[in-house]
Amino acid sequence: MESANTALITDPMALFGFLAALVALIFWVSELPRFKKFFEYVPPVIFVYFVPMLTTTAGITPGESALYGWNSSYLLLFALFMLMVSVDFESVLKLGPIALLMVFAGTLGIVVGGPISLLIFRDMLPADAWQGFAALSGSWIGGTGNMLAISESVGTSADAMGTVIVVDTVVGYGWMGVLIAMAGLQARWDRRTRARTGVIEATNDRLQAISRERTPITLRDAVMMIGLGMACAVAARFAGNGLPAHGDPTIITGTTWAVLIVVTGGLILSFTPLRRLETKGASHLGYTALYLLLAGIGARADLRAVLDAPVYLLAGVVWIAIHVAILLVVARLVRAPLFFVATGSMANIGGAATAPVVAGVYHRAMAPVGLLMAVAGYILGIYGAYGCAWLLGLVGG
């Protein structure tokens, strides 16, 4: 990897501008008609990580910069707050017990599967592999935001993050392909299990109504959201640094406390009138910050880390297999439709980027339900992933 003083771009603000332009270019290309179908199945977030990794390998961007530390300290907290304050908890609860149970079963499969998989492959992996697994557990219980939060908390190295992204991409999206292929089996599954198919339509109208409520953002809205989000991020960081660390190896750090404070506080505020910030695009601001942060994470990674991927890939396959086994057992017990099995799994493994895609393949009009299930997975994820990280630390630390 090129060092900071030999890279073409070294000034932190110039680096921020370059990475922001890369993210903008990727999302612009993703909406072009000729590429739109491709990006439906390979989300732009993958390229947001890998393209900066390539620019660092090529010596354009540095592997180390003051910008990356600032991003991790504050941009992450801002993103998580904006995503949590915009949660429509009422609509999530209206998903019904079967849908929420399948999301929870998927989360349980990840929490249990990670430590078991690490125990199996521990002797073939580096000593700090548990930290990479912890970051991956965050990605597989809710999505990118959780992955970045956990990686910062446990101190996952940039090289380990490179390997994690490879496993997340190959295994996670490989499983997504399997789920899409299984869509043709849903009638047979539902018939043989006597599935309760009548609950599928319950929440579609509610989410569509939310989309219709959105209005163009004004200068007042933008200034208020950015000011509130950054103030909460700084306050959470300050409060988190004043709380004690816990665990051996350390799992609960100042960063962990800051993440838990901002996520829990954001969820509490989502029950107040502040949730209406979502009609002004609060979650869009959150995701923008998240993708800028992810671009910086990618720029820190060493492409040579993929050489460690084969054993990690096999461990990832075993991990997913345990997740699937638990899902199927629970689905048979509660007679869940295959739609909820597939969407509940992807709400964990892929999060908001891919759960609507899988849901839409099974039932064309049900993509919004997939998004709501992903939100439920995201809420569970930040807490479940810390539990999984603690177990992984016991196994591999």
Protein backbone atom coordinates (compact mmCIF):
# COMPACT_ATOMS: atom_id res chain seq x y z
CA MET A 1 0.00 0.00 0.00
CA GLU A 2 1.21 3.49 -0.80
CA SER A 3 2.11 5.53 2.25
CA ALA A 4 0.50 8.88 2.91
CA ASN A 5 3.53 10.91 1.76
CA THR A 6 3.92 9.14 -1.62
CA ALA A 7 0.28 9.20 -2.72
CA LEU A 8 -0.81 11.64 -5.42
CA ILE A 9 -3.47 13.21 -3.17
CA THR A 10 -2.39 13.93 0.42
CA ASP A 11 -4.27 17.04 1.59
CA PRO A 12 -7.25 15.90 3.74
CA MET A 13 -9.75 18.28 2.11
CA ALA A 14 -8.56 17.41 -1.40
CA LEU A 15 -8.87 13.75 -0.45
CA PHE A 16 -12.42 14.32 0.85
CA GLY A 17 -13.33 16.07 -2.39
CA PHE A 18 -11.88 13.25 -4.49
CA LEU A 19 -13.70 10.51 -2.55
CA ALA A 20 -16.96 12.49 -2.59
CA ALA A 21 -16.65 12.88 -6.36
CA LEU A 22 -16.06 9.12 -6.72
CA VAL A 23 -19.19 8.34 -4.70
CA ALA A 24 -21.20 10.84 -6.77
CA LEU A 25 -19.91 9.32 -10.02
CA ILE A 26 -20.81 5.77 -8.92
CA PHE A 27 -24.37 6.75 -8.02
CA TRP A 28 -24.76 8.78 -11.22
CA VAL A 29 -23.71 5.79 -13.32
CA SER A 30 -26.04 3.51 -11.32
CA GLU A 31 -29.06 5.51 -12.55
CA LEU A 32 -28.12 5.47 -16.23
CA PRO A 33 -30.67 3.38 -18.17
CA ARG A 34 -28.08 1.01 -19.60
CA PHE A 35 -26.68 0.17 -16.14
CA LYS A 36 -29.78 0.44 -13.95
CA LYS A 37 -30.71 -3.25 -14.13
CA PHE A 38 -27.15 -4.29 -13.26
CA PHE A 39 -27.08 -2.06 -10.17
CA GLU A 40 -30.38 -3.51 -8.96
CA TYR A 41 -28.54 -6.77 -8.28
CA VAL A 42 -25.05 -5.41 -7.54
CA PRO A 43 -25.72 -2.34 -5.35
CA PRO A 44 -23.55 0.78 -5.76
CA VAL A 45 -22.29 0.35 -2.19
CA ILE A 46 -19.95 -2.42 -3.38
CA PHE A 47 -18.22 -0.06 -5.79
CA VAL A 48 -18.15 2.71 -3.18
CA TYR A 49 -15.78 0.46 -1.24
CA PHE A 50 -13.78 -1.21 -4.01
CA VAL A 51 -13.03 1.77 -6.27
CA PRO A 52 -11.22 3.75 -3.51
CA MET A 53 -9.35 0.55 -2.63
CA LEU A 54 -8.09 0.44 -6.22
CA THR A 55 -7.09 4.13 -6.18
CA THR A 56 -5.02 3.55 -3.03
CA THR A 57 -3.38 0.47 -4.53
CA ALA A 58 -2.55 2.61 -7.60
CA GLY A 59 -0.98 5.32 -5.42
CA ILE A 60 -3.60 7.99 -6.06
CA THR A 61 -5.03 8.12 -2.53
CA PRO A 62 -3.13 7.52 0.73
CA GLY A 63 -3.59 4.54 3.02
CA GLU A 64 -3.38 6.83 6.03
CA SER A 65 -4.85 10.31 6.48
CA ALA A 66 -6.24 12.53 9.23
CA LEU A 67 -9.48 12.53 7.23
CA TYR A 68 -10.11 8.85 7.92
CA GLY A 69 -9.96 9.31 11.67
CA TRP A 70 -12.39 12.23 11.56
CA ASN A 71 -14.79 10.23 9.36
CA SER A 72 -14.76 7.30 11.77
CA SER A 73 -15.20 9.51 14.81
CA TYR A 74 -18.03 11.74 13.66
CA LEU A 75 -19.43 10.92 10.20
CA LEU A 76 -20.43 7.43 11.38
CA LEU A 77 -22.31 8.80 14.40
CA PHE A 78 -24.04 11.42 12.25
CA ALA A 79 -25.15 8.75 9.76
CA LEU A 80 -26.46 6.39 12.45
CA PHE A 81 -28.39 9.19 14.17
CA MET A 82 -30.08 10.32 10.95
CA LEU A 83 -31.03 6.74 10.07
CA MET A 84 -32.44 5.98 13.52
CA VAL A 85 -34.39 9.21 14.04
CA SER A 86 -36.21 8.58 10.75
CA VAL A 87 -37.36 5.03 11.66
CA ASP A 88 -41.12 4.49 11.38
CA PHE A 89 -41.36 2.15 14.37
CA GLU A 90 -45.14 1.91 14.10
CA SER A 91 -44.89 0.46 10.59
CA VAL A 92 -42.18 -1.97 11.68
CA LEU A 93 -44.45 -3.27 14.44
CA LYS A 94 -47.30 -3.61 11.95
CA LEU A 95 -45.27 -6.18 10.03
CA GLY A 96 -46.82 -8.72 12.38
CA PRO A 97 -45.33 -11.48 14.53
CA ILE A 98 -44.37 -13.88 11.72
CA ALA A 99 -42.35 -11.33 9.76
CA LEU A 100 -40.61 -9.98 12.87
CA LEU A 101 -39.94 -13.51 14.13
CA MET A 102 -38.22 -14.40 10.85
CA VAL A 103 -36.03 -11.30 11.06
CA PHE A 104 -35.15 -12.23 14.66
CA ALA A 105 -34.45 -15.85 13.67
CA GLY A 106 -32.11 -14.60 10.95
CA THR A 107 -30.31 -12.40 13.49
CA LEU A 108 -30.02 -15.32 15.92
CA GLY A 109 -28.53 -17.46 13.15
CA ILE A 110 -25.79 -14.87 12.57
CA VAL A 111 -25.07 -14.40 16.29
CA VAL A 112 -24.76 -18.17 16.82
CA GLY A 113 -23.17 -19.04 13.49
CA GLY A 114 -20.23 -16.63 13.69
CA PRO A 115 -18.59 -18.03 16.83
CA ILE A 116 -19.19 -21.63 15.68
CA SER A 117 -17.62 -20.94 12.28
CA LEU A 118 -14.64 -19.16 13.89
CA LEU A 119 -14.16 -22.09 16.29
CA ILE A 120 -14.01 -24.49 13.32
CA PHE A 121 -11.50 -22.45 11.28
CA ARG A 122 -9.62 -20.63 14.07
CA ASP A 123 -6.33 -22.52 13.62
CA MET A 124 -6.24 -21.61 9.91
CA LEU A 125 -6.84 -17.89 10.41
CA PRO A 126 -4.76 -14.99 11.78
CA ALA A 127 -4.95 -14.21 15.49
CA ASP A 128 -7.00 -11.06 14.86
CA ALA A 129 -9.53 -12.86 12.65
CA TRP A 130 -12.20 -12.49 15.33
CA GLN A 131 -12.15 -8.73 14.77
CA GLY A 132 -12.81 -9.24 11.06
CA PHE A 133 -15.60 -11.69 11.91
CA ALA A 134 -17.05 -9.12 14.32
CA ALA A 135 -17.18 -6.50 11.56
CA LEU A 136 -18.79 -9.04 9.22
CA SER A 137 -21.41 -9.85 11.85
CA GLY A 138 -22.37 -6.17 11.81
CA SER A 139 -22.80 -6.25 8.04
CA TRP A 140 -24.84 -9.47 8.24
CA ILE A 141 -27.13 -8.11 10.96
CA GLY A 142 -28.45 -4.95 9.40
CA GLY A 143 -25.95 -3.68 6.85
CA THR A 144 -23.03 -1.38 6.21
CA GLY A 145 -23.66 1.04 9.07
CA ASN A 146 -23.51 -1.72 11.64
CA MET A 147 -20.40 -3.18 10.05
CA LEU A 148 -18.57 0.14 10.32
CA ALA A 149 -19.78 0.70 13.90
CA ILE A 150 -18.55 -2.72 15.06
CA SER A 151 -15.25 -2.47 13.19
CA GLU A 152 -14.50 0.85 14.89
CA SER A 153 -15.44 -0.56 18.30
CA VAL A 154 -13.27 -3.69 18.16
CA GLY A 155 -10.41 -2.12 16.18
CA THR A 156 -10.64 -4.15 12.98
CA SER A 157 -7.56 -3.40 10.85
CA ALA A 158 -7.87 -1.93 7.36
CA ASP A 159 -6.41 -5.11 5.84
CA ALA A 160 -8.88 -7.31 7.72
CA MET A 161 -11.68 -5.04 6.50
CA GLY A 162 -10.56 -5.66 2.93
CA THR A 163 -10.96 -9.40 3.46
CA VAL A 164 -14.30 -8.89 5.20
CA ILE A 165 -15.66 -6.95 2.23
CA VAL A 166 -14.58 -9.77 -0.12
CA VAL A 167 -16.43 -12.34 2.01
CA ASP A 168 -19.43 -10.05 2.38
CA THR A 169 -19.59 -9.59 -1.39
CA VAL A 170 -18.91 -13.15 -2.56
CA VAL A 171 -20.78 -15.10 0.12
CA GLY A 172 -23.48 -12.55 0.95
CA TYR A 173 -24.44 -11.78 -2.64
CA GLY A 174 -23.95 -15.42 -3.61
CA TRP A 175 -26.63 -16.29 -1.03
CA MET A 176 -28.79 -13.53 -2.46
CA GLY A 177 -28.55 -15.26 -5.84
CA VAL A 178 -29.67 -18.54 -4.27
CA LEU A 179 -32.66 -16.81 -2.65
CA ILE A 180 -33.67 -15.28 -5.97
CA ALA A 181 -33.41 -18.67 -7.66
CA MET A 182 -35.63 -20.18 -4.96
CA ALA A 183 -38.50 -17.81 -5.79
CA GLY A 184 -39.96 -20.41 -8.15
CA LEU A 185 -40.30 -22.84 -5.24
CA GLN A 186 -42.43 -20.62 -3.02
CA ALA A 187 -45.82 -22.05 -4.09
CA ARG A 188 -44.60 -25.58 -3.37
CA TRP A 189 -43.05 -24.55 -0.04
CA ASP A 190 -46.14 -22.65 1.09
CA ARG A 191 -48.38 -25.54 0.14
CA ARG A 192 -46.31 -28.23 1.83
CA THR A 193 -45.84 -26.25 5.03
CA ARG A 194 -49.43 -24.93 5.04
CA ALA A 195 -47.92 -21.46 5.33
CA ARG A 196 -49.93 -18.48 6.54
CA THR A 197 -49.85 -16.48 3.31
CA GLY A 198 -52.60 -14.04 4.29
CA VAL A 199 -50.25 -11.81 6.30
CA ILE A 200 -48.04 -10.76 3.37
CA GLU A 201 -50.06 -7.73 2.21
CA ALA A 202 -50.47 -6.13 5.65
CA THR A 203 -47.99 -3.21 5.53
CA ASN A 204 -47.53 -2.30 1.86
CA ASP A 205 -49.94 0.67 1.82
CA ARG A 206 -48.37 2.22 4.92
CA LEU A 207 -44.87 2.44 3.43
CA GLN A 208 -46.16 3.74 0.11
CA ALA A 209 -47.97 6.49 2.02
CA ILE A 210 -44.68 7.51 3.64
CA SER A 211 -43.08 7.85 0.21
CA ARG A 212 -45.94 10.09 -0.96
CA GLU A 213 -45.45 12.35 2.08
CA ARG A 214 -41.89 13.30 1.07
CA THR A 215 -41.41 16.90 0.00
CA PRO A 216 -38.41 18.68 -1.56
CA ILE A 217 -35.79 19.61 1.00
CA THR A 218 -35.48 23.31 1.85
CA LEU A 219 -32.44 25.24 3.06
CA ARG A 220 -33.99 25.41 6.55
CA ASP A 221 -34.52 21.64 6.62
CA ALA A 222 -30.98 20.88 5.44
CA VAL A 223 -29.32 23.25 7.93
CA MET A 224 -31.46 21.96 10.80
CA MET A 225 -30.80 18.27 10.07
CA ILE A 226 -27.06 18.71 9.59
CA GLY A 227 -26.77 20.88 12.71
CA LEU A 228 -28.84 18.52 14.87
CA GLY A 229 -27.07 15.41 13.56
CA MET A 230 -23.55 16.76 14.05
CA ALA A 231 -24.38 18.16 17.51
CA CYS A 232 -25.70 14.75 18.58
CA ALA A 233 -22.65 13.02 17.08
CA VAL A 234 -20.23 15.25 19.02
CA ALA A 235 -22.26 14.91 22.23
CA ALA A 236 -22.36 11.11 21.91
CA ARG A 237 -18.60 10.99 21.26
CA PHE A 238 -17.90 13.16 24.30
CA ALA A 239 -20.20 11.10 26.54
CA GLY A 240 -18.85 7.78 25.21
CA ASN A 241 -15.24 8.75 25.90
CA GLY A 242 -16.16 9.39 29.52
CA LEU A 243 -17.55 5.89 30.11
CA PRO A 244 -15.42 2.88 31.11
CA ALA A 245 -14.28 0.17 28.71
CA HIS A 246 -15.34 -3.42 29.30
CA GLY A 247 -14.38 -6.91 28.17
CA ASP A 248 -11.30 -9.03 27.68
CA PRO A 249 -10.59 -8.61 24.79
CA THR A 250 -12.14 -5.16 24.93
CA ILE A 251 -15.54 -5.04 23.20
CA ILE A 252 -17.17 -2.06 24.92
CA THR A 253 -14.96 0.94 24.12
CA GLY A 254 -15.59 4.67 24.03
CA THR A 255 -16.66 4.25 20.40
CA THR A 256 -19.06 1.46 21.39
CA TRP A 257 -20.67 3.67 24.00
CA ALA A 258 -20.93 6.55 21.52
CA VAL A 259 -22.64 4.31 18.94
CA LEU A 260 -25.07 2.87 21.48
CA ILE A 261 -25.89 6.37 22.78
CA VAL A 262 -26.54 7.82 19.33
CA VAL A 263 -28.52 4.79 18.10
CA THR A 264 -30.67 4.48 21.23
CA GLY A 265 -31.17 8.23 21.43
CA GLY A 266 -32.13 8.37 17.76
CA LEU A 267 -34.66 5.58 18.22
CA ILE A 268 -36.20 7.36 21.21
CA LEU A 269 -36.45 10.60 19.23
CA SER A 270 -38.13 8.69 16.37
CA PHE A 271 -41.24 8.62 18.61
CA THR A 272 -41.30 12.44 18.68
CA PRO A 273 -42.23 14.92 15.93
CA LEU A 274 -38.57 14.78 14.83
CA ARG A 275 -39.43 11.60 12.93
CA ARG A 276 -41.12 13.80 10.36
CA LEU A 277 -37.62 14.80 9.27
CA GLU A 278 -37.84 11.67 7.15
CA THR A 279 -40.37 13.46 4.92
CA LYS A 280 -37.54 15.92 4.23
CA GLY A 281 -35.02 13.17 3.47
CA ALA A 282 -33.26 12.54 6.81
CA SER A 283 -32.39 8.95 5.91
CA HIS A 284 -30.98 10.11 2.56
CA LEU A 285 -28.58 12.41 4.41
CA GLY A 286 -27.68 9.50 6.69
CA TYR A 287 -26.90 7.19 3.80
CA THR A 288 -24.89 9.91 2.06
CA ALA A 289 -22.68 10.25 5.15
CA LEU A 290 -22.45 6.47 5.39
CA TYR A 291 -21.25 6.09 1.82
CA LEU A 292 -18.67 8.86 2.22
CA LEU A 293 -17.41 7.04 5.30
CA LEU A 294 -17.32 3.73 3.43
CA ALA A 295 -15.28 5.28 0.63
CA GLY A 296 -12.71 6.33 3.24
CA ILE A 297 -12.68 2.83 4.70
CA GLY A 298 -12.03 1.43 1.23
CA ALA A 299 -9.18 3.86 0.64
CA ARG A 300 -7.44 2.55 3.79
CA ALA A 301 -7.57 -1.09 2.70
CA ASP A 302 -4.77 -3.10 1.11
CA LEU A 303 -5.89 -5.03 -1.96
CA ARG A 304 -3.41 -7.77 -1.06
CA ALA A 305 -5.66 -8.66 1.87
CA VAL A 306 -7.81 -10.65 -0.56
CA LEU A 307 -5.05 -13.30 -0.53
CA ASP A 308 -6.34 -14.26 2.92
CA ALA A 309 -9.84 -14.72 1.55
CA PRO A 310 -10.09 -18.48 0.72
CA VAL A 311 -10.36 -19.72 4.32
CA TYR A 312 -12.48 -16.71 5.22
CA LEU A 313 -14.78 -17.53 2.30
CA LEU A 314 -15.21 -21.10 3.51
CA ALA A 315 -15.86 -19.87 7.05
CA GLY A 316 -18.45 -17.45 5.63
CA VAL A 317 -20.25 -20.28 3.82
CA VAL A 318 -20.45 -22.31 7.06
CA TRP A 319 -21.69 -19.22 8.89
CA ILE A 320 -24.47 -18.63 6.34
CA ALA A 321 -25.40 -22.35 6.47
CA ILE A 322 -26.00 -22.11 10.24
CA HIS A 323 -28.06 -18.96 9.72
CA VAL A 324 -30.19 -20.73 7.09
CA ALA A 325 -30.67 -23.84 9.22
CA ILE A 326 -32.07 -21.81 12.12
CA LEU A 327 -34.31 -19.84 9.75
CA LEU A 328 -35.77 -23.01 8.22
CA VAL A 329 -36.43 -24.63 11.60
CA VAL A 330 -38.27 -21.54 12.87
CA ALA A 331 -40.16 -21.18 9.56
CA ARG A 332 -41.50 -24.73 9.80
CA LEU A 333 -42.55 -24.22 13.41
CA VAL A 334 -44.55 -21.03 12.71
CA ARG A 335 -45.62 -21.94 9.15
CA ALA A 336 -43.99 -18.87 7.64
CA PRO A 337 -44.35 -18.30 3.88
CA LEU A 338 -41.13 -18.66 1.89
CA PHE A 339 -41.42 -14.95 1.13
CA PHE A 340 -40.77 -14.15 4.80
CA VAL A 341 -37.97 -16.72 5.02
CA ALA A 342 -36.12 -15.19 2.06
CA THR A 343 -36.81 -11.58 2.97
CA GLY A 344 -36.03 -12.15 6.65
CA SER A 345 -32.68 -13.64 5.68
CA MET A 346 -31.80 -10.83 3.29
CA ALA A 347 -32.99 -8.19 5.78
CA ASN A 348 -30.05 -9.38 7.88
CA ILE A 349 -27.43 -10.36 5.31
CA GLY A 350 -27.96 -7.52 2.86
CA GLY A 351 -29.98 -4.91 4.72
CA ALA A 352 -31.94 -2.11 3.08
CA ALA A 353 -29.96 -2.30 -0.17
CA THR A 354 -31.02 -5.82 -1.12
CA ALA A 355 -33.99 -6.94 1.00
CA PRO A 356 -36.43 -4.97 -1.20
CA VAL A 357 -34.89 -6.57 -4.31
CA VAL A 358 -35.45 -10.10 -2.99
CA ALA A 359 -38.93 -9.21 -1.72
CA GLY A 360 -39.81 -7.81 -5.13
CA VAL A 361 -38.69 -11.01 -6.87
CA TYR A 362 -41.04 -13.10 -4.72
CA HIS A 363 -43.96 -10.65 -4.86
CA ARG A 364 -43.58 -7.69 -7.23
CA ALA A 365 -45.62 -5.31 -5.07
CA MET A 366 -43.94 -6.32 -1.79
CA ALA A 367 -40.59 -4.54 -2.13
CA PRO A 368 -41.64 -1.95 0.52
CA VAL A 369 -42.27 -4.80 2.98
CA GLY A 370 -38.70 -5.94 2.37
CA LEU A 371 -37.49 -2.46 3.23
CA LEU A 372 -39.44 -2.44 6.50
CA MET A 373 -38.04 -5.86 7.43
CA ALA A 374 -34.56 -4.51 6.73
CA VAL A 375 -35.24 -1.61 9.09
CA ALA A 376 -36.29 -4.12 11.76
CA GLY A 377 -33.05 -6.00 11.13
CA TYR A 378 -31.08 -2.78 11.40
CA ILE A 379 -32.61 -1.98 14.80
CA LEU A 380 -31.82 -5.48 16.07
CA GLY A 381 -28.44 -5.46 14.41
CA ILE A 382 -26.49 -2.91 16.38
CA TYR A 383 -27.30 -4.71 19.62
CA GLY A 384 -27.11 -8.26 18.26
CA ALA A 385 -23.80 -7.59 16.52
CA TYR A 386 -22.20 -6.40 19.75
CA GLY A 387 -23.38 -9.63 21.39
CA CYS A 388 -21.89 -11.61 18.52
CA ALA A 389 -18.63 -9.62 18.75
CA TRP A 390 -18.41 -10.49 22.45
CA LEU A 391 -18.84 -14.20 21.68
CA LEU A 392 -16.29 -13.98 18.86
CA GLY A 393 -13.84 -12.31 21.23
CA LEU A 394 -14.25 -15.20 23.68
CA VAL A 395 -13.57 -17.75 20.92
CA GLY A 396 -10.73 -16.01 19.11
CA GLY A 397 -9.41 -13.32 21.39
